[in-house]
C-alpha atoms as a PDB file:
ATOM      1  CA  UNK A   1       0.000   0.000   0.000  1.00  0.00           C
ATOM      2  CA  UNK A   2       1.322   3.454  -0.926  1.00  0.00           C
ATOM      3  CA  UNK A   3       1.763   6.169   1.672  1.00  0.00           C
ATOM      4  CA  UNK A   4      -0.922   8.200  -0.112  1.00  0.00           C
ATOM      5  CA  UNK A   5      -3.364   5.317   0.217  1.00  0.00           C
ATOM      6  CA  UNK A   6      -2.439   4.905   3.856  1.00  0.00           C
ATOM      7  CA  UNK A   7      -3.320   8.528   4.582  1.00  0.00           C
ATOM      8  CA  UNK A   8      -6.885   7.873   3.451  1.00  0.00           C
ATOM      9  CA  UNK A   9      -7.507   5.849   6.604  1.00  0.00           C
ATOM     10  CA  UNK A  10      -8.907   7.820   9.537  1.00  0.00           C
ATOM     11  CA  UNK A  11      -6.985   5.793  12.133  1.00  0.00           C
ATOM     12  CA  UNK A  12      -3.656   6.671  10.527  1.00  0.00           C
ATOM     13  CA  UNK A  13      -4.603  10.328  10.171  1.00  0.00           C
ATOM     14  CA  UNK A  14      -5.375  10.302  13.886  1.00  0.00           C
ATOM     15  CA  UNK A  15      -2.036   8.637  14.598  1.00  0.00           C
ATOM     16  CA  UNK A  16      -0.113  11.233  12.570  1.00  0.00           C
ATOM     17  CA  UNK A  17      -1.876  14.159  14.225  1.00  0.00           C
ATOM     18  CA  UNK A  18      -1.296  12.476  17.551  1.00  0.00           C
ATOM     19  CA  UNK A  19       2.409  12.191  16.757  1.00  0.00           C
ATOM     20  CA  UNK A  20       2.632  15.892  15.936  1.00  0.00           C
ATOM     21  CA  UNK A  21       0.790  17.031  19.054  1.00  0.00           C
ATOM     22  CA  UNK A  22       2.542  14.551  21.358  1.00  0.00           C
ATOM     23  CA  UNK A  23       5.914  15.651  19.976  1.00  0.00           C
ATOM     24  CA  UNK A  24       5.174  19.311  20.706  1.00  0.00           C
ATOM     25  CA  UNK A  25       3.866  18.523  24.190  1.00  0.00           C
ATOM     26  CA  UNK A  26       6.546  16.014  25.185  1.00  0.00           C
ATOM     27  CA  UNK A  27       9.296  18.040  23.524  1.00  0.00           C
ATOM     28  CA  UNK A  28       8.495  21.123  25.601  1.00  0.00           C
ATOM     29  CA  UNK A  29       7.665  19.358  28.861  1.00  0.00           C
ATOM     30  CA  UNK A  30      10.491  16.856  28.449  1.00  0.00           C
ATOM     31  CA  UNK A  31      13.059  19.641  28.164  1.00  0.00           C
ATOM     32  CA  UNK A  32      12.010  20.809  31.625  1.00  0.00           C
ATOM     33  CA  UNK A  33      11.937  17.236  32.958  1.00  0.00           C
ATOM     34  CA  UNK A  34      15.442  16.436  31.704  1.00  0.00           C
ATOM     35  CA  UNK A  35      16.904  19.777  32.798  1.00  0.00           C
ATOM     36  CA  UNK A  36      15.405  19.405  36.298  1.00  0.00           C
ATOM     37  CA  UNK A  37      16.552  15.746  36.383  1.00  0.00           C
ATOM     38  CA  UNK A  38      13.006  14.521  36.916  1.00  0.00           C
ATOM     39  CA  UNK A  39      13.047  11.656  34.419  1.00  0.00           C
ATOM     40  CA  UNK A  40      12.669   9.056  37.171  1.00  0.00           C
ATOM     41  CA  UNK A  41       9.699  11.033  38.525  1.00  0.00           C
ATOM     42  CA  UNK A  42       8.106  10.910  35.077  1.00  0.00           C
ATOM     43  CA  UNK A  43       8.668   7.168  34.935  1.00  0.00           C
ATOM     44  CA  UNK A  44       6.982   6.776  38.301  1.00  0.00           C
ATOM     45  CA  UNK A  45       3.976   8.815  37.174  1.00  0.00           C
ATOM     46  CA  UNK A  46       3.655   6.804  33.957  1.00  0.00           C
ATOM     47  CA  UNK A  47       3.729   3.423  35.663  1.00  0.00           C
ATOM     48  CA  UNK A  48       1.479   4.540  38.521  1.00  0.00           C
ATOM     49  CA  UNK A  49      -1.171   5.551  35.977  1.00  0.00           C
ATOM     50  CA  UNK A  50      -1.778   1.855  35.294  1.00  0.00           C
ATOM     51  CA  UNK A  51      -3.673   1.860  38.584  1.00  0.00           C
ATOM     52  CA  UNK A  52      -6.152   4.331  37.143  1.00  0.00           C
ATOM     53  CA  UNK A  53      -6.496   2.336  33.922  1.00  0.00           C
ATOM     54  CA  UNK A  54      -7.375  -0.843  35.815  1.00  0.00           C
ATOM     55  CA  UNK A  55      -9.608   0.917  38.334  1.00  0.00           C
ATOM     56  CA  UNK A  56     -11.493   2.712  35.576  1.00  0.00           C
ATOM     57  CA  UNK A  57     -12.180  -0.549  33.764  1.00  0.00           C
ATOM     58  CA  UNK A  58     -13.217  -2.225  37.012  1.00  0.00           C
ATOM     59  CA  UNK A  59     -15.631   0.549  38.047  1.00  0.00           C
ATOM     60  CA  UNK A  60     -17.020   1.059  34.554  1.00  0.00           C
ATOM     61  CA  UNK A  61     -15.731   4.520  33.584  1.00  0.00           C
ATOM     62  CA  UNK A  62     -13.188   5.373  30.845  1.00  0.00           C
ATOM     63  CA  UNK A  63      -9.754   3.970  31.794  1.00  0.00           C
ATOM     64  CA  UNK A  64      -7.920   7.137  30.735  1.00  0.00           C
ATOM     65  CA  UNK A  65      -9.957   9.193  33.219  1.00  0.00           C
ATOM     66  CA  UNK A  66      -8.703   6.930  35.940  1.00  0.00           C
ATOM     67  CA  UNK A  67      -5.180   7.117  34.530  1.00  0.00           C
ATOM     68  CA  UNK A  68      -5.318  10.922  34.638  1.00  0.00           C
ATOM     69  CA  UNK A  69      -6.458  10.885  38.274  1.00  0.00           C
ATOM     70  CA  UNK A  70      -3.733   8.431  39.298  1.00  0.00           C
ATOM     71  CA  UNK A  71      -1.070  10.330  37.340  1.00  0.00           C
ATOM     72  CA  UNK A  72      -1.968  13.635  39.003  1.00  0.00           C
ATOM     73  CA  UNK A  73      -2.155  11.975  42.418  1.00  0.00           C
ATOM     74  CA  UNK A  74       1.272  10.393  41.892  1.00  0.00           C
ATOM     75  CA  UNK A  75       2.871  13.581  40.570  1.00  0.00           C
ATOM     76  CA  UNK A  76       1.704  15.772  43.430  1.00  0.00           C
ATOM     77  CA  UNK A  77       2.177  12.938  45.924  1.00  0.00           C
ATOM     78  CA  UNK A  78       5.842  12.576  44.994  1.00  0.00           C
ATOM     79  CA  UNK A  79       6.282  16.347  45.163  1.00  0.00           C
ATOM     80  CA  UNK A  80       4.564  16.607  48.560  1.00  0.00           C
ATOM     81  CA  UNK A  81       6.437  13.695  50.148  1.00  0.00           C
ATOM     82  CA  UNK A  82       9.836  14.865  48.897  1.00  0.00           C
ATOM     83  CA  UNK A  83       9.243  18.457  50.088  1.00  0.00           C
ATOM     84  CA  UNK A  84       8.372  17.222  53.585  1.00  0.00           C
ATOM     85  CA  UNK A  85      11.802  15.537  53.683  1.00  0.00           C
ATOM     86  CA  UNK A  86      10.389  12.657  55.706  1.00  0.00           C
ATOM     87  CA  UNK A  87      10.687  10.368  52.699  1.00  0.00           C
ATOM     88  CA  UNK A  88      13.422  10.455  50.075  1.00  0.00           C
ATOM     89  CA  UNK A  89      12.208  11.279  46.589  1.00  0.00           C
ATOM     90  CA  UNK A  90      13.351   7.976  45.076  1.00  0.00           C
ATOM     91  CA  UNK A  91      11.577   6.059  47.858  1.00  0.00           C
ATOM     92  CA  UNK A  92       8.355   8.013  47.293  1.00  0.00           C
ATOM     93  CA  UNK A  93       8.559   7.292  43.568  1.00  0.00           C
ATOM     94  CA  UNK A  94       9.094   3.575  44.161  1.00  0.00           C
ATOM     95  CA  UNK A  95       6.165   3.389  46.589  1.00  0.00           C
ATOM     96  CA  UNK A  96       3.658   5.164  44.322  1.00  0.00           C
ATOM     97  CA  UNK A  97       5.017   3.379  41.219  1.00  0.00           C
ATOM     98  CA  UNK A  98       4.454  -0.084  42.707  1.00  0.00           C
ATOM     99  CA  UNK A  99       1.145   0.932  44.313  1.00  0.00           C
ATOM    100  CA  UNK A 100      -0.279   2.042  40.971  1.00  0.00           C
ATOM    101  CA  UNK A 101       1.004  -1.009  39.116  1.00  0.00           C
ATOM    102  CA  UNK A 102      -0.393  -3.362  41.760  1.00  0.00           C
ATOM    103  CA  UNK A 103      -3.837  -1.727  41.777  1.00  0.00           C
ATOM    104  CA  UNK A 104      -3.932  -1.721  37.973  1.00  0.00           C
ATOM    105  CA  UNK A 105      -2.962  -5.372  37.564  1.00  0.00           C
ATOM    106  CA  UNK A 106      -5.364  -6.529  40.282  1.00  0.00           C
ATOM    107  CA  UNK A 107      -8.312  -4.546  38.889  1.00  0.00           C
ATOM    108  CA  UNK A 108      -7.549  -5.685  35.333  1.00  0.00           C
ATOM    109  CA  UNK A 109      -7.713  -9.326  36.343  1.00  0.00           C
ATOM    110  CA  UNK A 110     -10.934  -8.735  38.282  1.00  0.00           C
ATOM    111  CA  UNK A 111     -12.576  -7.133  35.221  1.00  0.00           C
ATOM    112  CA  UNK A 112     -13.924  -9.779  32.803  1.00  0.00           C
ATOM    113  CA  UNK A 113     -12.455  -9.406  29.324  1.00  0.00           C
ATOM    114  CA  UNK A 114     -10.199  -6.439  30.098  1.00  0.00           C
ATOM    115  CA  UNK A 115      -6.947  -8.408  30.285  1.00  0.00           C
ATOM    116  CA  UNK A 116      -7.018  -8.757  26.496  1.00  0.00           C
ATOM    117  CA  UNK A 117      -7.128  -4.923  26.172  1.00  0.00           C
ATOM    118  CA  UNK A 118      -4.273  -4.386  28.620  1.00  0.00           C
ATOM    119  CA  UNK A 119      -1.384  -4.712  26.088  1.00  0.00           C
ATOM    120  CA  UNK A 120      -2.644  -1.685  24.128  1.00  0.00           C
ATOM    121  CA  UNK A 121      -2.303   0.435  27.279  1.00  0.00           C
ATOM    122  CA  UNK A 122       1.057  -1.086  28.216  1.00  0.00           C
ATOM    123  CA  UNK A 123       2.771  -0.974  24.815  1.00  0.00           C
ATOM    124  CA  UNK A 124       0.678   1.350  22.664  1.00  0.00           C
ATOM    125  CA  UNK A 125      -1.280   0.824  19.458  1.00  0.00           C
ATOM    126  CA  UNK A 126      -1.792   3.182  16.521  1.00  0.00           C
ATOM    127  CA  UNK A 127      -5.299   1.760  16.143  1.00  0.00           C
ATOM    128  CA  UNK A 128      -6.214   3.140  19.574  1.00  0.00           C
ATOM    129  CA  UNK A 129      -5.707   6.881  18.911  1.00  0.00           C
ATOM    130  CA  UNK A 130      -9.114   8.581  18.972  1.00  0.00           C
ATOM    131  CA  UNK A 131     -10.506  12.059  18.338  1.00  0.00           C
ATOM    132  CA  UNK A 132     -10.756  12.506  22.093  1.00  0.00           C
ATOM    133  CA  UNK A 133      -7.023  11.750  22.391  1.00  0.00           C
ATOM    134  CA  UNK A 134      -6.275  14.360  19.728  1.00  0.00           C
ATOM    135  CA  UNK A 135      -8.422  16.961  21.481  1.00  0.00           C
ATOM    136  CA  UNK A 136      -6.711  16.282  24.806  1.00  0.00           C
ATOM    137  CA  UNK A 137      -3.249  16.373  23.228  1.00  0.00           C
ATOM    138  CA  UNK A 138      -4.112  19.609  21.421  1.00  0.00           C
ATOM    139  CA  UNK A 139      -5.272  21.300  24.624  1.00  0.00           C
ATOM    140  CA  UNK A 140      -2.228  20.151  26.606  1.00  0.00           C
ATOM    141  CA  UNK A 141       0.229  21.086  23.837  1.00  0.00           C
ATOM    142  CA  UNK A 142      -1.377  24.541  23.574  1.00  0.00           C
ATOM    143  CA  UNK A 143      -1.106  25.046  27.339  1.00  0.00           C
ATOM    144  CA  UNK A 144       2.549  23.974  27.331  1.00  0.00           C
ATOM    145  CA  UNK A 145       3.319  26.347  24.458  1.00  0.00           C
ATOM    146  CA  UNK A 146       1.407  29.191  26.115  1.00  0.00           C
ATOM    147  CA  UNK A 147       3.249  28.678  29.404  1.00  0.00           C
ATOM    148  CA  UNK A 148       6.638  28.830  27.679  1.00  0.00           C
ATOM    149  CA  UNK A 149       5.661  31.921  25.687  1.00  0.00           C
ATOM    150  CA  UNK A 150       4.298  33.819  28.703  1.00  0.00           C
ATOM    151  CA  UNK A 151       6.623  32.588  31.469  1.00  0.00           C
ATOM    152  CA  UNK A 152       9.587  31.217  29.545  1.00  0.00           C
ATOM    153  CA  UNK A 153      12.232  32.959  31.657  1.00  0.00           C
ATOM    154  CA  UNK A 154      10.665  31.725  34.885  1.00  0.00           C
ATOM    155  CA  UNK A 155      10.443  28.150  33.571  1.00  0.00           C
ATOM    156  CA  UNK A 156      14.107  28.259  32.545  1.00  0.00           C
ATOM    157  CA  UNK A 157      15.153  29.673  35.929  1.00  0.00           C
ATOM    158  CA  UNK A 158      13.250  26.976  37.831  1.00  0.00           C
ATOM    159  CA  UNK A 159      14.550  24.256  35.514  1.00  0.00           C
ATOM    160  CA  UNK A 160      18.218  25.167  35.963  1.00  0.00           C
ATOM    161  CA  UNK A 161      18.336  26.340  39.584  1.00  0.00           C
ATOM    162  CA  UNK A 162      15.223  26.093  41.736  1.00  0.00           C
ATOM    163  CA  UNK A 163      16.862  27.518  44.868  1.00  0.00           C
ATOM    164  CA  UNK A 164      18.111  30.589  43.010  1.00  0.00           C
ATOM    165  CA  UNK A 165      14.641  31.110  41.520  1.00  0.00           C
ATOM    166  CA  UNK A 166      13.177  31.040  45.044  1.00  0.00           C
ATOM    167  CA  UNK A 167      15.618  33.713  46.248  1.00  0.00           C
ATOM    168  CA  UNK A 168      14.596  35.908  43.313  1.00  0.00           C
ATOM    169  CA  UNK A 169      10.963  35.789  44.377  1.00  0.00           C
ATOM    170  CA  UNK A 170       9.826  33.915  41.278  1.00  0.00           C
ATOM    171  CA  UNK A 171       6.575  31.866  41.372  1.00  0.00           C
ATOM    172  CA  UNK A 172       8.449  28.587  41.726  1.00  0.00           C
ATOM    173  CA  UNK A 173       5.639  26.547  43.274  1.00  0.00           C
ATOM    174  CA  UNK A 174       3.197  27.701  40.599  1.00  0.00           C
ATOM    175  CA  UNK A 175       5.562  26.685  37.796  1.00  0.00           C
ATOM    176  CA  UNK A 176       6.272  23.355  39.480  1.00  0.00           C
ATOM    177  CA  UNK A 177       2.544  22.679  39.890  1.00  0.00           C
ATOM    178  CA  UNK A 178       1.749  23.541  36.272  1.00  0.00           C
ATOM    179  CA  UNK A 179       4.647  21.451  34.956  1.00  0.00           C
ATOM    180  CA  UNK A 180       3.552  18.539  37.155  1.00  0.00           C
ATOM    181  CA  UNK A 181       0.060  18.752  35.641  1.00  0.00           C
ATOM    182  CA  UNK A 182       1.460  18.992  32.102  1.00  0.00           C
ATOM    183  CA  UNK A 183       3.803  16.066  32.704  1.00  0.00           C
ATOM    184  CA  UNK A 184       1.116  13.853  34.237  1.00  0.00           C
ATOM    185  CA  UNK A 185      -1.593  14.627  31.690  1.00  0.00           C
ATOM    186  CA  UNK A 186       0.903  14.609  28.815  1.00  0.00           C
ATOM    187  CA  UNK A 187       1.851  11.068  29.774  1.00  0.00           C
ATOM    188  CA  UNK A 188      -1.805  10.019  29.945  1.00  0.00           C
ATOM    189  CA  UNK A 189      -2.682  11.650  26.616  1.00  0.00           C
ATOM    190  CA  UNK A 190       0.158   9.737  24.927  1.00  0.00           C
ATOM    191  CA  UNK A 191      -0.710   6.331  26.396  1.00  0.00           C
ATOM    192  CA  UNK A 192      -2.686   5.076  23.405  1.00  0.00           C
ATOM    193  CA  UNK A 193       0.195   5.798  21.066  1.00  0.00           C
ATOM    194  CA  UNK A 194       3.202   4.952  23.252  1.00  0.00           C
ATOM    195  CA  UNK A 195       1.955   2.787  26.089  1.00  0.00           C
ATOM    196  CA  UNK A 196       2.582   3.069  29.830  1.00  0.00           C
ATOM    197  CA  UNK A 197       5.871   1.175  29.754  1.00  0.00           C
ATOM    198  CA  UNK A 198       7.513   3.318  27.072  1.00  0.00           C
ATOM    199  CA  UNK A 199       5.892   6.777  27.156  1.00  0.00           C
ATOM    200  CA  UNK A 200       8.626   8.220  29.380  1.00  0.00           C
ATOM    201  CA  UNK A 201      11.101   7.821  26.515  1.00  0.00           C
ATOM    202  CA  UNK A 202       9.377  10.627  24.585  1.00  0.00           C
ATOM    203  CA  UNK A 203      10.079  12.890  27.568  1.00  0.00           C
ATOM    204  CA  UNK A 204      13.780  12.046  27.711  1.00  0.00           C
ATOM    205  CA  UNK A 205      15.446  10.485  24.651  1.00  0.00           C
ATOM    206  CA  UNK A 206      14.776  13.294  22.108  1.00  0.00           C
ATOM    207  CA  UNK A 207      15.956  15.763  24.758  1.00  0.00           C
ATOM    208  CA  UNK A 208      19.195  13.801  25.176  1.00  0.00           C
ATOM    209  CA  UNK A 209      19.799  14.059  21.431  1.00  0.00           C
ATOM    210  CA  UNK A 210      18.918  17.765  21.440  1.00  0.00           C
ATOM    211  CA  UNK A 211      21.278  18.388  24.349  1.00  0.00           C
ATOM    212  CA  UNK A 212      24.208  17.281  22.201  1.00  0.00           C
ATOM    213  CA  UNK A 213      23.812  20.376  20.006  1.00  0.00           C
ATOM    214  CA  UNK A 214      21.846  22.929  22.031  1.00  0.00           C
ATOM    215  CA  UNK A 215      23.511  25.546  24.206  1.00  0.00           C
ATOM    216  CA  UNK A 216      20.313  27.219  25.369  1.00  0.00           C
ATOM    217  CA  UNK A 217      17.046  25.964  26.817  1.00  0.00           C
ATOM    218  CA  UNK A 218      15.022  27.328  23.899  1.00  0.00           C
ATOM    219  CA  UNK A 219      17.129  25.638  21.222  1.00  0.00           C
ATOM    220  CA  UNK A 220      17.011  22.395  23.183  1.00  0.00           C
ATOM    221  CA  UNK A 221      13.207  22.565  23.323  1.00  0.00           C
ATOM    222  CA  UNK A 222      12.885  23.187  19.573  1.00  0.00           C
ATOM    223  CA  UNK A 223      15.294  20.378  18.691  1.00  0.00           C
ATOM    224  CA  UNK A 224      13.521  18.072  21.147  1.00  0.00           C
ATOM    225  CA  UNK A 225      10.219  18.645  19.350  1.00  0.00           C
ATOM    226  CA  UNK A 226      11.876  17.990  15.980  1.00  0.00           C
ATOM    227  CA  UNK A 227      13.600  14.778  17.098  1.00  0.00           C
ATOM    228  CA  UNK A 228      10.445  13.548  18.856  1.00  0.00           C
ATOM    229  CA  UNK A 229       8.397  14.175  15.710  1.00  0.00           C
ATOM    230  CA  UNK A 230      10.928  12.370  13.522  1.00  0.00           C
ATOM    231  CA  UNK A 231      10.973   9.373  15.848  1.00  0.00           C
ATOM    232  CA  UNK A 232       7.193   9.301  16.278  1.00  0.00           C
ATOM    233  CA  UNK A 233       6.242   9.511  12.601  1.00  0.00           C
ATOM    234  CA  UNK A 234       8.981   7.106  11.547  1.00  0.00           C
ATOM    235  CA  UNK A 235       8.020   4.698  14.314  1.00  0.00           C
ATOM    236  CA  UNK A 236       4.350   4.809  13.341  1.00  0.00           C
ATOM    237  CA  UNK A 237       5.141   3.979   9.721  1.00  0.00           C
ATOM    238  CA  UNK A 238       7.400   1.093  10.704  1.00  0.00           C
ATOM    239  CA  UNK A 239       4.901  -0.246  13.243  1.00  0.00           C
ATOM    240  CA  UNK A 240       2.150  -0.241  10.621  1.00  0.00           C
ATOM    241  CA  UNK A 241       4.127  -1.895   7.835  1.00  0.00           C
ATOM    242  CA  UNK A 242       5.704  -4.543  10.079  1.00  0.00           C
ATOM    243  CA  UNK A 243       2.668  -5.012  12.372  1.00  0.00           C
ATOM    244  CA  UNK A 244       4.606  -4.422  15.598  1.00  0.00           C
ATOM    245  CA  UNK A 245       3.752  -2.307  18.687  1.00  0.00           C
ATOM    246  CA  UNK A 246       4.051   1.398  17.933  1.00  0.00           C
ATOM    247  CA  UNK A 247       5.491   2.332  21.337  1.00  0.00           C
ATOM    248  CA  UNK A 248       8.498   0.026  21.108  1.00  0.00           C
ATOM    249  CA  UNK A 249       9.172   1.037  17.501  1.00  0.00           C
ATOM    250  CA  UNK A 250       9.099   4.752  18.321  1.00  0.00           C
ATOM    251  CA  UNK A 251      11.437   4.254  21.283  1.00  0.00           C
ATOM    252  CA  UNK A 252      13.985   2.270  19.263  1.00  0.00           C
ATOM    253  CA  UNK A 253      13.929   4.855  16.483  1.00  0.00           C
ATOM    254  CA  UNK A 254      14.378   7.714  18.975  1.00  0.00           C
ATOM    255  CA  UNK A 255      17.339   5.897  20.524  1.00  0.00           C
ATOM    256  CA  UNK A 256      18.745   5.369  17.033  1.00  0.00           C
ATOM    257  CA  UNK A 257      18.390   9.110  16.376  1.00  0.00           C
ATOM    258  CA  UNK A 258      20.322   9.794  19.583  1.00  0.00           C
ATOM    259  CA  UNK A 259      23.259   7.604  18.546  1.00  0.00           C
ATOM    260  CA  UNK A 260      23.289   9.056  15.023  1.00  0.00           C
ATOM    261  CA  UNK A 261      23.299  12.566  16.528  1.00  0.00           C
ATOM    262  CA  UNK A 262      26.134  11.587  18.863  1.00  0.00           C
ATOM    263  CA  UNK A 263      28.147  10.158  15.963  1.00  0.00           C
ATOM    264  CA  UNK A 264      27.579  13.329  13.928  1.00  0.00           C
ATOM    265  CA  UNK A 265      28.734  15.496  16.820  1.00  0.00           C
ATOM    266  CA  UNK A 266      31.874  13.421  17.341  1.00  0.00           C
ATOM    267  CA  UNK A 267      32.613  13.494  13.609  1.00  0.00           C
ATOM    268  CA  UNK A 268      32.212  17.266  13.491  1.00  0.00           C
ATOM    269  CA  UNK A 269      34.402  17.588  16.578  1.00  0.00           C
ATOM    270  CA  UNK A 270      37.159  15.567  14.898  1.00  0.00           C
ATOM    271  CA  UNK A 271      36.913  17.528  11.658  1.00  0.00           C
ATOM    272  CA  UNK A 272      36.901  21.003  13.178  1.00  0.00           C
ATOM    273  CA  UNK A 273      39.276  20.478  16.099  1.00  0.00           C
ATOM    274  CA  UNK A 274      42.764  21.581  15.229  1.00  0.00           C
ATOM    275  CA  UNK A 275      45.532  19.196  16.118  1.00  0.00           C
ATOM    276  CA  UNK A 276      48.322  20.664  18.297  1.00  0.00           C
ATOM    277  CA  UNK A 277      51.435  21.774  16.440  1.00  0.00           C
END
């Protein structure tokens, strides 16, 4: 089937639009996550959201609503526990991570027929992207873009040095709260395409590749969006033609982009570095 013929299918149009919107959202939010060294927090939120998926199926409401509630609870729970300094951040992440996974698995097995749907939430499926997913991704991507346009300097300050931002009287807690919401809901909105297990890669791997070339936060964010889009669209095409999970394909392609970018940087460094006389 030609690419033109493939674009006639509504499910693939949804997947492509989803890739674009998820790349913008995860590219912007992921730049903050990587700069603040919150990747492990994002992983905890993603895996904890399985609890909401299972609970939603068990109680009879949309699984992604439950995933959103669990993701927000986990994000703010980790933040609250770590700020109280009674529990180390990594311990709080591990506790909420395993709690969500346990609740999700238990509820899934107690819900007749839902176990067969579980792999699409765990590993992603291009057939699962709906108009509602696109609307949610569009809203979240717009909010992320608006935040960076209106409060870009504050976001950068908080991302690089939170303590310094506090001393300058900047709205640190507000930015942290908004970025927690964007991270949690961004993860949930991307579940159908990427899956719970692999969605965190879109918040970290393109940013790693962008960091090889970027010297400023803004350039890193733009490159992150570009690399995420390249990996997402390429991964979707490969997953369709080879009938493999879209999430895993996108992740492997993004990792491949990182190593190609690293090789290009090293090659340029060798070519343009003068040898000592």
